[in-house]
Every structure is written in structure tokens, then in C-alpha cells.
Amino acid sequence: MLSQLQSLGYQTVTAANGAEALALVEAGQAFDLVFTDVIMPGGMNGKELADAILRLRPGSRILYTSGYTDDAVIEDGRPEQCALLLAKAYRRSELAQMVRRVLDDAAKPALTAAG
């Protein structure tokens, strides 16, 4: 995945697990997108990581990936329904489309409801 993102022209920062990724964010690491597996080693899953990052940096863009079936992902704390999930094994073109979709959505102004 890292080499695929780099071959698409993206700069990457990696972390071995959720705690390491969260420490990078807490230390001020700049990023446009968090790409995380739903199931990770180290006691923190992708949803927990995303929730922690969103508390620190509301509006952060998250893209999940998983090799599990939907049923298995739901049992393990699947991300909310509006979250984008890229199913493994994905092709480079699918990765490119999803990353672009998330980043393009980030560039759109947020809609707000007037009450």
C-alpha cells in the first residue's frame, strides 16, 4: 500500500500501529488523509484511531481498508455508515480513486443547516 501511494505521487508517513499513529498526530504531524486498516495490531482498531484523531483534529479525512467481510468488520466495530471503506485486495486504480474521492470531498465547502 505504501509503495502504491508513493507511486501515485503522494507523500506518506507510516506508523506501526494505532498508538504510534496517534503519537505522530499529537506531535503535530501534518497530513491530508489518514488511511487505516480497520483491524490493527497493538490494541487499537482503525475506528478507535479515527475517533481519537477526530477529537484532536475535527474534520480530518479518514479512509479505512479491510480484508474482512462486512459481517466480520461489523462485529469488530465497523466505522460509521458514511465512512469510506476500501476492501482488500484492491487494485492500484481503486486506491487512486478512493484517495482522490476523499481528498476532493475535503476541498468542498461543508454544508450547514440554518435553523
C-alpha atoms as a PDB file:
ATOM      1  CA  MET A   1       0.000   0.000   0.000  1.00  0.00           C
ATOM      2  CA  LEU A   2       2.790   2.429   0.887  1.00  0.00           C
ATOM      3  CA  SER A   3       4.541   1.915  -2.431  1.00  0.00           C
ATOM      4  CA  GLN A   4       1.236   2.221  -4.283  1.00  0.00           C
ATOM      5  CA  LEU A   5       0.506   5.584  -2.670  1.00  0.00           C
ATOM      6  CA  GLN A   6       4.016   6.809  -3.371  1.00  0.00           C
ATOM      7  CA  SER A   7       3.779   5.663  -6.998  1.00  0.00           C
ATOM      8  CA  LEU A   8       0.629   7.790  -7.274  1.00  0.00           C
ATOM      9  CA  GLY A   9       2.653  10.822  -6.178  1.00  0.00           C
ATOM     10  CA  TYR A  10       1.544  11.024  -2.551  1.00  0.00           C
ATOM     11  CA  GLN A  11       3.939  11.648   0.310  1.00  0.00           C
ATOM     12  CA  THR A  12       3.433   9.157   3.102  1.00  0.00           C
ATOM     13  CA  VAL A  13       4.106   8.869   6.808  1.00  0.00           C
ATOM     14  CA  THR A  14       3.759   5.408   8.316  1.00  0.00           C
ATOM     15  CA  ALA A  15       3.053   4.079  11.773  1.00  0.00           C
ATOM     16  CA  ALA A  16       3.355   0.508  13.013  1.00  0.00           C
ATOM     17  CA  ASN A  17       0.112   0.669  14.993  1.00  0.00           C
ATOM     18  CA  GLY A  18      -2.627   2.993  16.171  1.00  0.00           C
ATOM     19  CA  ALA A  19      -0.761   4.263  19.220  1.00  0.00           C
ATOM     20  CA  GLU A  20       2.231   5.240  17.078  1.00  0.00           C
ATOM     21  CA  ALA A  21      -0.043   6.979  14.550  1.00  0.00           C
ATOM     22  CA  LEU A  22      -1.818   8.881  17.309  1.00  0.00           C
ATOM     23  CA  ALA A  23       1.525   9.945  18.795  1.00  0.00           C
ATOM     24  CA  LEU A  24       2.516  11.391  15.410  1.00  0.00           C
ATOM     25  CA  VAL A  25      -0.707  13.382  15.244  1.00  0.00           C
ATOM     26  CA  GLU A  26      -0.272  14.604  18.837  1.00  0.00           C
ATOM     27  CA  ALA A  27       3.278  15.698  17.946  1.00  0.00           C
ATOM     28  CA  GLY A  28       1.910  17.892  15.157  1.00  0.00           C
ATOM     29  CA  GLN A  29       2.497  15.699  12.108  1.00  0.00           C
ATOM     30  CA  ALA A  30       0.806  17.303   9.111  1.00  0.00           C
ATOM     31  CA  PHE A  31      -1.465  15.137   6.962  1.00  0.00           C
ATOM     32  CA  ASP A  32      -4.311  15.419   4.479  1.00  0.00           C
ATOM     33  CA  LEU A  33      -5.678  11.908   4.905  1.00  0.00           C
ATOM     34  CA  VAL A  34      -5.475   9.045   7.374  1.00  0.00           C
ATOM     35  CA  PHE A  35      -5.524   5.657   5.642  1.00  0.00           C
ATOM     36  CA  THR A  36      -6.005   2.951   8.245  1.00  0.00           C
ATOM     37  CA  ASP A  37      -6.864  -0.693   8.414  1.00  0.00           C
ATOM     38  CA  VAL A  38      -9.997  -1.448  10.423  1.00  0.00           C
ATOM     39  CA  ILE A  39      -8.194  -4.247  12.282  1.00  0.00           C
ATOM     40  CA  MET A  40      -4.690  -3.385  13.543  1.00  0.00           C
ATOM     41  CA  PRO A  41      -2.144  -4.774  15.984  1.00  0.00           C
ATOM     42  CA  GLY A  42      -1.461  -3.078  19.268  1.00  0.00           C
ATOM     43  CA  GLY A  43      -4.872  -2.951  20.911  1.00  0.00           C
ATOM     44  CA  MET A  44      -6.395  -0.046  18.971  1.00  0.00           C
ATOM     45  CA  ASN A  45      -8.565  -0.626  15.908  1.00  0.00           C
ATOM     46  CA  GLY A  46      -8.960   1.766  12.996  1.00  0.00           C
ATOM     47  CA  LYS A  47     -12.260   3.178  14.267  1.00  0.00           C
ATOM     48  CA  GLU A  48     -10.725   3.953  17.660  1.00  0.00           C
ATOM     49  CA  LEU A  49      -7.760   5.610  15.955  1.00  0.00           C
ATOM     50  CA  ALA A  50     -10.035   7.688  13.730  1.00  0.00           C
ATOM     51  CA  ASP A  51     -12.159   8.759  16.713  1.00  0.00           C
ATOM     52  CA  ALA A  52      -9.051   9.856  18.633  1.00  0.00           C
ATOM     53  CA  ILE A  53      -7.681  11.782  15.651  1.00  0.00           C
ATOM     54  CA  LEU A  54     -11.044  13.452  15.040  1.00  0.00           C
ATOM     55  CA  ARG A  55     -11.124  14.611  18.667  1.00  0.00           C
ATOM     56  CA  LEU A  56      -7.717  16.229  18.162  1.00  0.00           C
ATOM     57  CA  ARG A  57      -8.323  17.477  14.619  1.00  0.00           C
ATOM     58  CA  PRO A  58     -12.010  17.683  13.768  1.00  0.00           C
ATOM     59  CA  GLY A  59     -12.676  17.412  10.058  1.00  0.00           C
ATOM     60  CA  SER A  60      -9.735  15.096   9.381  1.00  0.00           C
ATOM     61  CA  ARG A  61     -10.282  12.819   6.404  1.00  0.00           C
ATOM     62  CA  ILE A  62     -10.252   9.088   7.104  1.00  0.00           C
ATOM     63  CA  LEU A  63     -10.151   6.213   4.616  1.00  0.00           C
ATOM     64  CA  TYR A  64     -10.498   2.697   6.012  1.00  0.00           C
ATOM     65  CA  THR A  65      -9.390  -0.555   4.461  1.00  0.00           C
ATOM     66  CA  SER A  66     -10.188  -4.115   5.457  1.00  0.00           C
ATOM     67  CA  GLY A  67      -9.754  -7.627   4.172  1.00  0.00           C
ATOM     68  CA  TYR A  68     -12.642  -8.936   6.233  1.00  0.00           C
ATOM     69  CA  THR A  69     -16.180  -9.465   5.039  1.00  0.00           C
ATOM     70  CA  ASP A  70     -18.710  -6.852   6.083  1.00  0.00           C
ATOM     71  CA  ASP A  71     -20.085  -9.146   8.800  1.00  0.00           C
ATOM     72  CA  ALA A  72     -16.649  -9.597  10.370  1.00  0.00           C
ATOM     73  CA  VAL A  73     -15.937  -5.873  10.179  1.00  0.00           C
ATOM     74  CA  ILE A  74     -19.270  -5.022  11.806  1.00  0.00           C
ATOM     75  CA  GLU A  75     -18.538  -7.404  14.674  1.00  0.00           C
ATOM     76  CA  ASP A  76     -15.158  -5.735  15.194  1.00  0.00           C
ATOM     77  CA  GLY A  77     -16.502  -2.188  15.295  1.00  0.00           C
ATOM     78  CA  ARG A  78     -17.046  -1.158  11.703  1.00  0.00           C
ATOM     79  CA  PRO A  79     -16.723   2.537  11.036  1.00  0.00           C
ATOM     80  CA  GLU A  80     -19.893   4.570  10.761  1.00  0.00           C
ATOM     81  CA  GLN A  81     -22.002   4.106   7.632  1.00  0.00           C
ATOM     82  CA  CYS A  82     -20.802   7.330   5.992  1.00  0.00           C
ATOM     83  CA  ALA A  83     -17.133   6.321   6.279  1.00  0.00           C
ATOM     84  CA  LEU A  84     -15.339   5.234   3.151  1.00  0.00           C
ATOM     85  CA  LEU A  85     -14.075   1.662   3.171  1.00  0.00           C
ATOM     86  CA  LEU A  86     -11.706   0.255   0.553  1.00  0.00           C
ATOM     87  CA  ALA A  87     -11.993  -3.537   0.521  1.00  0.00           C
ATOM     88  CA  LYS A  88      -8.811  -5.604   0.222  1.00  0.00           C
ATOM     89  CA  ALA A  89      -7.452  -6.836  -2.111  1.00  0.00           C
ATOM     90  CA  TYR A  90      -7.766  -3.632  -4.075  1.00  0.00           C
ATOM     91  CA  ARG A  91      -6.086  -2.550  -7.256  1.00  0.00           C
ATOM     92  CA  ARG A  92      -3.889   0.490  -7.575  1.00  0.00           C
ATOM     93  CA  SER A  93      -6.604   2.185  -9.658  1.00  0.00           C
ATOM     94  CA  GLU A  94      -9.199   1.570  -6.912  1.00  0.00           C
ATOM     95  CA  LEU A  95      -6.848   3.023  -4.310  1.00  0.00           C
ATOM     96  CA  ALA A  96      -6.246   6.055  -6.512  1.00  0.00           C
ATOM     97  CA  GLN A  97      -9.978   6.634  -6.976  1.00  0.00           C
ATOM     98  CA  MET A  98     -10.794   6.345  -3.276  1.00  0.00           C
ATOM     99  CA  VAL A  99      -7.944   8.571  -2.131  1.00  0.00           C
ATOM    100  CA  ARG A 100      -8.906  11.170  -4.728  1.00  0.00           C
ATOM    101  CA  ARG A 101     -12.557  10.943  -3.650  1.00  0.00           C
ATOM    102  CA  VAL A 102     -11.681  11.590  -0.012  1.00  0.00           C
ATOM    103  CA  LEU A 103      -9.337  14.462  -0.847  1.00  0.00           C
ATOM    104  CA  ASP A 104     -11.802  16.017  -3.309  1.00  0.00           C
ATOM    105  CA  ASP A 105     -14.555  15.844  -0.685  1.00  0.00           C
ATOM    106  CA  ALA A 106     -12.213  17.659   1.707  1.00  0.00           C
ATOM    107  CA  ALA A 107     -11.866  20.507  -0.794  1.00  0.00           C
ATOM    108  CA  LYS A 108     -15.642  21.063  -0.997  1.00  0.00           C
ATOM    109  CA  PRO A 109     -17.170  23.549   1.407  1.00  0.00           C
ATOM    110  CA  ALA A 110     -19.112  21.936   4.202  1.00  0.00           C
ATOM    111  CA  LEU A 111     -22.872  22.223   4.049  1.00  0.00           C
ATOM    112  CA  THR A 112     -24.508  23.680   7.106  1.00  0.00           C
ATOM    113  CA  ALA A 113     -28.150  23.771   8.039  1.00  0.00           C
ATOM    114  CA  ALA A 114     -29.662  27.062   9.069  1.00  0.00           C
ATOM    115  CA  GLY A 115     -32.284  26.718  11.760  1.00  0.00           C
END
